[in-house]
Amino acid sequence: MLLNDLALFVRVADSGSISSAATEMDISAAAASAAIKRLEKQLDTSLFVRTTRSLRLTAQGERYFIHCRRALNDLTLGEQAIASDKGKISGTLSLSVSSDFGRNLLVPWLDDFLEDFPQLQVRLHLGDNISSFYHDKIDIAVRYGKPQDSNQVAFPICSVERLLCASPEYLAAFGEPETLEQLTQHNCLFYKLDDRTHDQWQFQRDGQEFKIRVTGNRSANDAEIARRWAVAGKGIVFKSGLDLAADIMEGRLVPLLPEYRGEAVNLYLVCPGREHVTPVILLLREMLRQQTQTLSRTLAAYLKSDNQGQ
């Protein structure tokens, strides 16, 4: 059984097209079709259901696909382990990340990361909706909140509180809320992800938990837009301190009600399975931990000095 035939089979299953897989592997469609037929003959089973308009896996093909992908990933792990022993990290990493964190934090961090590993290539997928590892060909994702799928491997990166903020212009026009209840009198900015609108905000004070449902005239399916609206003076936002750190420290946003602690959110680096954990992913995990810890400490020091100065 040829290794290239197995790799082609996985690519055909991912793309749903023999011609697309052939293009990716730089071979002719006829050669790709012959390879699939050769593999089916060796296995004595049909791997795909073929129609004039579509190509999909059979039940046997789906079972074989899982084992085939795992075997190819194991081979890649072995190659990367050898490469890492030689001080070389190479290959292509497809990374899914939320829009705000990705654009404003991860992109510059990745620039430095790629300078350290120039043979590595990164394909970045930005968006707040969770990508499918298999259908979107994602190797790893950076997400707030632990995944519900127990088969996935989630490396904890950091825990960070949500902060309540508004711009100086908004506060000058509408005043600063002095209690949580007064938030209901303000225009609050929120986002909608996975059919859930984040309009119920949670806080803690002196061991007590508080929840308040807010309203506003703006919501988006992209959390970065909520932050941009806040910077533009359109209302009050409640987001991860990491996402708001630069705006706070540069004076574009002002923290509100500091006596209340916003709910903590956990940031994870997520793999579809343990067999997908490669040396480069472990290096990426450590980079993210160091960068987020540094930013969190810097923001905490700024907030402490700002509160003492008031």
Protein backbone atom coordinates (compact mmCIF):
# COMPACT_ATOMS: atom_id res chain seq x y z
CA MET A 1 0.00 0.00 0.00
CA LEU A 2 1.51 3.32 -1.10
CA LEU A 3 1.77 6.15 1.41
CA ASN A 4 0.91 8.69 -1.29
CA ASP A 5 -2.33 6.82 -1.97
CA LEU A 6 -3.31 7.15 1.68
CA ALA A 7 -2.46 10.87 1.67
CA LEU A 8 -4.51 11.32 -1.49
CA PHE A 9 -7.46 9.46 0.02
CA VAL A 10 -7.47 11.80 3.03
CA ARG A 11 -7.33 14.87 0.80
CA VAL A 12 -10.18 13.60 -1.39
CA ALA A 13 -12.26 12.92 1.72
CA ASP A 14 -11.51 16.43 3.07
CA SER A 15 -12.30 18.25 -0.16
CA GLY A 16 -15.02 15.98 -1.56
CA SER A 17 -13.34 16.20 -4.95
CA ILE A 18 -10.76 14.06 -6.72
CA SER A 19 -9.75 16.92 -9.01
CA SER A 20 -9.22 19.33 -6.09
CA ALA A 21 -7.12 16.78 -4.22
CA ALA A 22 -5.13 16.09 -7.38
CA THR A 23 -4.40 19.79 -7.78
CA GLU A 24 -3.22 20.02 -4.17
CA MET A 25 -0.85 17.09 -4.69
CA ASP A 26 0.29 18.30 -8.11
CA ILE A 27 -0.82 15.20 -10.01
CA SER A 28 -3.35 14.66 -12.78
CA ALA A 29 -6.98 13.89 -12.01
CA ALA A 30 -6.60 10.61 -13.91
CA ALA A 31 -3.65 9.58 -11.73
CA ALA A 32 -5.60 10.52 -8.60
CA SER A 33 -8.64 8.52 -9.70
CA ALA A 34 -6.41 5.53 -10.48
CA ALA A 35 -4.83 5.78 -7.01
CA ILE A 36 -8.24 5.73 -5.29
CA LYS A 37 -9.31 2.71 -7.36
CA ARG A 38 -6.02 0.99 -6.51
CA LEU A 39 -6.60 1.60 -2.82
CA GLU A 40 -10.20 0.32 -3.02
CA LYS A 41 -8.97 -2.83 -4.79
CA GLN A 42 -6.36 -3.47 -2.11
CA LEU A 43 -8.97 -3.02 0.63
CA ASP A 44 -11.63 -4.89 -1.33
CA THR A 45 -14.24 -2.25 -0.52
CA SER A 46 -15.70 0.96 -1.91
CA LEU A 47 -14.47 4.04 -0.09
CA PHE A 48 -16.64 6.62 -1.86
CA VAL A 49 -20.18 6.91 -3.19
CA ARG A 50 -19.89 8.57 -6.58
CA THR A 51 -22.64 10.51 -8.34
CA THR A 52 -22.49 12.96 -11.20
CA ARG A 53 -22.55 15.89 -8.77
CA SER A 54 -20.92 14.71 -5.56
CA LEU A 55 -18.43 12.40 -3.93
CA ARG A 56 -18.89 11.24 -0.34
CA LEU A 57 -17.46 8.59 1.92
CA THR A 58 -19.17 5.24 2.35
CA ALA A 59 -19.68 3.87 5.85
CA GLN A 60 -16.52 1.77 5.38
CA GLY A 61 -14.73 4.82 3.98
CA GLU A 62 -15.63 6.92 7.04
CA ARG A 63 -14.21 4.30 9.39
CA TYR A 64 -11.07 3.93 7.32
CA PHE A 65 -10.68 7.71 7.06
CA ILE A 66 -10.38 8.06 10.86
CA HIS A 67 -7.60 5.47 11.08
CA CYS A 68 -5.90 6.70 7.94
CA ARG A 69 -5.74 10.31 9.13
CA ARG A 70 -4.44 9.18 12.53
CA ALA A 71 -1.72 7.09 10.87
CA LEU A 72 -0.61 9.99 8.68
CA ASN A 73 -0.60 12.32 11.68
CA ASP A 74 1.54 9.83 13.61
CA LEU A 75 4.03 9.82 10.76
CA THR A 76 4.06 13.63 10.76
CA LEU A 77 4.63 13.61 14.51
CA GLY A 78 7.60 11.33 14.04
CA GLU A 79 9.06 13.56 11.34
CA GLN A 80 8.57 16.68 13.46
CA ALA A 81 10.07 15.00 16.52
CA ILE A 82 13.20 14.26 14.52
CA ALA A 83 13.19 17.79 13.11
CA SER A 84 12.82 19.31 16.58
CA ASP A 85 15.73 17.21 17.82
CA LYS A 86 17.78 18.81 15.08
CA GLY A 87 16.57 22.25 16.09
CA LYS A 88 14.29 22.56 13.06
CA ILE A 89 10.60 23.33 13.15
CA SER A 90 8.96 23.31 9.73
CA GLY A 91 5.72 22.58 7.94
CA THR A 92 2.37 24.37 7.78
CA LEU A 93 0.15 25.12 10.78
CA SER A 94 -3.51 26.06 10.28
CA LEU A 95 -4.64 28.12 13.25
CA SER A 96 -8.17 29.31 14.06
CA VAL A 97 -8.55 32.25 16.44
CA SER A 98 -11.23 34.73 17.53
CA SER A 99 -11.23 38.00 15.58
CA ASP A 100 -10.28 40.51 18.28
CA PHE A 101 -7.61 38.40 19.97
CA GLY A 102 -6.24 37.32 16.60
CA ARG A 103 -5.95 40.70 14.90
CA ASN A 104 -4.73 42.76 17.81
CA LEU A 105 -2.65 40.35 19.87
CA LEU A 106 -1.84 37.09 18.14
CA VAL A 107 -0.74 38.52 14.79
CA PRO A 108 2.21 40.52 16.21
CA TRP A 109 3.10 37.62 18.53
CA LEU A 110 3.12 35.26 15.55
CA ASP A 111 5.44 37.62 13.69
CA ASP A 112 8.06 37.13 16.41
CA PHE A 113 7.33 33.40 16.58
CA LEU A 114 7.91 32.96 12.85
CA GLU A 115 11.16 34.86 13.08
CA ASP A 116 12.37 32.23 15.54
CA PHE A 117 11.17 29.41 13.25
CA PRO A 118 11.57 30.68 9.67
CA GLN A 119 10.84 27.28 8.10
CA LEU A 120 7.34 27.24 9.63
CA GLN A 121 4.32 28.47 7.68
CA VAL A 122 1.10 29.63 9.37
CA ARG A 123 -2.38 29.81 7.87
CA LEU A 124 -4.53 32.01 10.08
CA HIS A 125 -8.32 31.68 10.18
CA LEU A 126 -9.99 34.63 11.92
CA GLY A 127 -13.56 34.55 13.16
CA ASP A 128 -15.59 34.20 16.34
CA ASN A 129 -17.60 31.19 15.19
CA ILE A 130 -15.87 27.93 16.03
CA SER A 131 -14.26 26.31 12.99
CA SER A 132 -14.53 22.61 12.21
CA PHE A 133 -11.13 20.97 12.56
CA TYR A 134 -11.80 18.49 9.78
CA HIS A 135 -13.99 20.34 7.30
CA ASP A 136 -12.04 23.63 7.61
CA LYS A 137 -8.68 21.81 7.76
CA ILE A 138 -7.75 23.41 11.09
CA ASP A 139 -4.84 22.01 13.10
CA ILE A 140 -5.40 24.02 16.26
CA ALA A 141 -7.65 26.75 17.66
CA VAL A 142 -7.25 29.50 20.27
CA ARG A 143 -10.58 29.99 22.02
CA TYR A 144 -12.14 31.37 25.18
CA GLY A 145 -13.91 28.58 27.06
CA LYS A 146 -13.16 24.87 27.30
CA PRO A 147 -14.51 22.79 24.40
CA GLN A 148 -17.44 20.50 25.08
CA ASP A 149 -16.00 17.66 22.98
CA SER A 150 -14.14 15.41 25.41
CA ASN A 151 -12.06 13.96 22.58
CA GLN A 152 -10.40 17.32 22.00
CA VAL A 153 -7.26 18.32 23.88
CA ALA A 154 -7.45 21.75 25.52
CA PHE A 155 -4.24 23.32 26.83
CA PRO A 156 -5.04 26.09 29.34
CA ILE A 157 -3.25 29.32 28.41
CA CYS A 158 -4.53 31.80 30.99
CA SER A 159 -7.52 32.96 32.98
CA VAL A 160 -8.59 36.57 32.53
CA GLU A 161 -11.46 38.67 33.86
CA ARG A 162 -13.90 40.52 31.69
CA LEU A 163 -13.70 44.29 32.18
CA LEU A 164 -16.45 46.87 32.01
CA CYS A 165 -15.34 49.86 29.94
CA ALA A 166 -16.48 52.94 28.02
CA SER A 167 -14.70 55.72 26.18
CA PRO A 168 -14.04 59.13 27.78
CA GLU A 169 -16.33 60.67 25.14
CA TYR A 170 -19.24 58.40 26.05
CA LEU A 171 -18.81 59.08 29.78
CA ALA A 172 -18.64 62.83 29.16
CA ALA A 173 -21.92 62.67 27.26
CA PHE A 174 -23.89 60.18 29.37
CA GLY A 175 -22.15 60.02 32.74
CA GLU A 176 -20.47 57.16 34.55
CA PRO A 177 -22.60 54.40 36.14
CA GLU A 178 -22.13 54.23 39.91
CA THR A 179 -23.93 50.92 40.46
CA LEU A 180 -24.57 47.77 38.43
CA GLU A 181 -28.26 48.64 38.31
CA GLN A 182 -27.47 51.88 36.51
CA LEU A 183 -26.08 49.86 33.60
CA THR A 184 -29.69 49.31 32.54
CA GLN A 185 -29.88 53.06 31.87
CA HIS A 186 -26.93 52.97 29.48
CA ASN A 187 -26.41 51.79 25.94
CA CYS A 188 -24.54 48.50 26.25
CA LEU A 189 -22.71 46.83 23.39
CA PHE A 190 -22.74 43.08 23.00
CA TYR A 191 -22.10 40.29 20.55
CA LYS A 192 -23.98 37.19 19.46
CA LEU A 193 -22.12 33.91 19.06
CA ASP A 194 -23.54 30.45 18.37
CA ASP A 195 -27.09 31.85 18.57
CA ARG A 196 -26.42 33.24 22.05
CA THR A 197 -26.52 36.97 22.68
CA HIS A 198 -24.09 37.98 25.44
CA ASP A 199 -26.42 40.48 27.09
CA GLN A 200 -26.33 39.03 30.62
CA TRP A 201 -23.21 40.20 32.43
CA GLN A 202 -21.84 38.54 35.58
CA PHE A 203 -19.81 40.10 38.39
CA GLN A 204 -18.49 39.31 41.86
CA ARG A 205 -18.08 41.47 44.92
CA ASP A 206 -17.17 40.38 48.44
CA GLY A 207 -17.89 36.75 47.59
CA GLN A 208 -21.33 37.51 46.17
CA GLU A 209 -22.30 36.94 42.55
CA PHE A 210 -24.37 39.41 40.56
CA LYS A 211 -26.02 39.06 37.18
CA ILE A 212 -27.55 41.86 35.23
CA ARG A 213 -29.24 41.83 31.85
CA VAL A 214 -28.40 44.87 29.74
CA THR A 215 -29.83 46.39 26.61
CA GLY A 216 -28.45 48.43 23.76
CA ASN A 217 -28.94 49.39 20.14
CA ARG A 218 -25.91 47.52 18.77
CA SER A 219 -24.91 43.86 18.65
CA ALA A 220 -22.70 41.95 16.25
CA ASN A 221 -21.55 38.40 15.53
CA ASP A 222 -17.96 39.67 15.77
CA ALA A 223 -16.74 40.59 19.26
CA GLU A 224 -14.15 42.98 17.86
CA ILE A 225 -16.95 45.19 16.55
CA ALA A 226 -18.32 45.61 20.09
CA ARG A 227 -14.90 46.84 21.20
CA ARG A 228 -14.62 49.21 18.24
CA TRP A 229 -18.06 50.65 18.99
CA ALA A 230 -16.98 51.27 22.57
CA VAL A 231 -13.80 53.06 21.47
CA ALA A 232 -15.94 55.16 19.12
CA GLY A 233 -18.10 56.31 22.06
CA LYS A 234 -21.22 54.31 21.20
CA GLY A 235 -21.74 52.61 24.56
CA ILE A 236 -20.38 50.36 27.32
CA VAL A 237 -18.58 47.09 26.57
CA PHE A 238 -17.83 44.03 28.72
CA LYS A 239 -14.98 41.96 27.31
CA SER A 240 -11.83 40.05 28.15
CA GLY A 241 -9.16 42.21 29.74
CA LEU A 242 -6.67 40.91 27.18
CA ASP A 243 -8.77 42.26 24.32
CA LEU A 244 -9.23 45.65 26.01
CA ALA A 245 -5.73 46.05 27.49
CA ALA A 246 -4.23 48.28 24.79
CA ASP A 247 -7.30 50.55 24.65
CA ILE A 248 -7.27 50.95 28.43
CA MET A 249 -3.55 51.66 28.77
CA GLU A 250 -3.63 54.12 25.86
CA GLY A 251 -6.63 55.99 27.25
CA ARG A 252 -9.18 55.04 24.62
CA LEU A 253 -11.29 53.17 27.18
CA VAL A 254 -11.92 53.79 30.89
CA PRO A 255 -12.60 50.87 33.32
CA LEU A 256 -15.88 51.22 35.21
CA LEU A 257 -17.08 50.01 38.62
CA PRO A 258 -13.66 48.67 39.69
CA GLU A 259 -15.10 47.44 43.01
CA TYR A 260 -16.83 44.67 41.00
CA ARG A 261 -14.86 41.85 39.41
CA GLY A 262 -16.08 40.69 36.04
CA GLU A 263 -16.51 36.98 35.41
CA ALA A 264 -13.30 35.14 34.59
CA VAL A 265 -12.89 33.52 31.18
CA ASN A 266 -10.31 30.89 30.35
CA LEU A 267 -8.26 30.92 27.16
CA TYR A 268 -7.35 27.55 25.66
CA LEU A 269 -5.24 26.17 22.84
CA VAL A 270 -7.37 23.35 21.41
CA CYS A 271 -6.38 20.32 19.30
CA PRO A 272 -8.84 17.85 17.74
CA GLY A 273 -7.10 14.95 19.54
CA ARG A 274 -3.95 13.98 21.41
CA GLU A 275 -2.49 12.44 18.29
CA HIS A 276 -2.45 15.94 16.76
CA VAL A 277 -0.18 17.42 19.44
CA THR A 278 3.10 18.20 17.68
CA PRO A 279 6.31 19.87 18.89
CA VAL A 280 5.37 23.12 17.15
CA ILE A 281 2.03 23.19 18.98
CA LEU A 282 3.80 22.77 22.31
CA LEU A 283 6.11 25.65 21.39
CA LEU A 284 3.10 27.76 20.41
CA ARG A 285 1.46 26.94 23.75
CA GLU A 286 4.47 28.17 25.68
CA MET A 287 4.68 31.34 23.60
CA LEU A 288 1.01 32.11 24.26
CA ARG A 289 1.39 31.49 27.97
CA GLN A 290 4.36 33.82 28.23
CA GLN A 291 2.79 36.59 26.14
CA THR A 292 -0.60 36.52 27.89
CA GLN A 293 1.04 36.44 31.34
CA THR A 294 3.20 39.43 30.46
CA LEU A 295 0.23 41.39 29.14
CA SER A 296 -1.93 40.48 32.15
CA ARG A 297 0.77 41.62 34.59
CA THR A 298 1.26 44.87 32.68
CA LEU A 299 -2.46 45.60 32.67
CA ALA A 300 -2.83 44.72 36.38
CA ALA A 301 0.02 47.08 37.28
CA TYR A 302 -1.56 49.84 35.21
CA LEU A 303 -4.99 49.39 36.80
CA LYS A 304 -3.48 49.34 40.28
CA SER A 305 -1.49 52.53 39.71
CA ASP A 306 -4.51 54.18 38.09
CA ASN A 307 -6.76 53.33 41.03
CA GLN A 308 -4.20 54.58 43.52
CA GLY A 309 -3.88 57.82 41.61
CA GLN A 310 -7.59 58.54 41.83
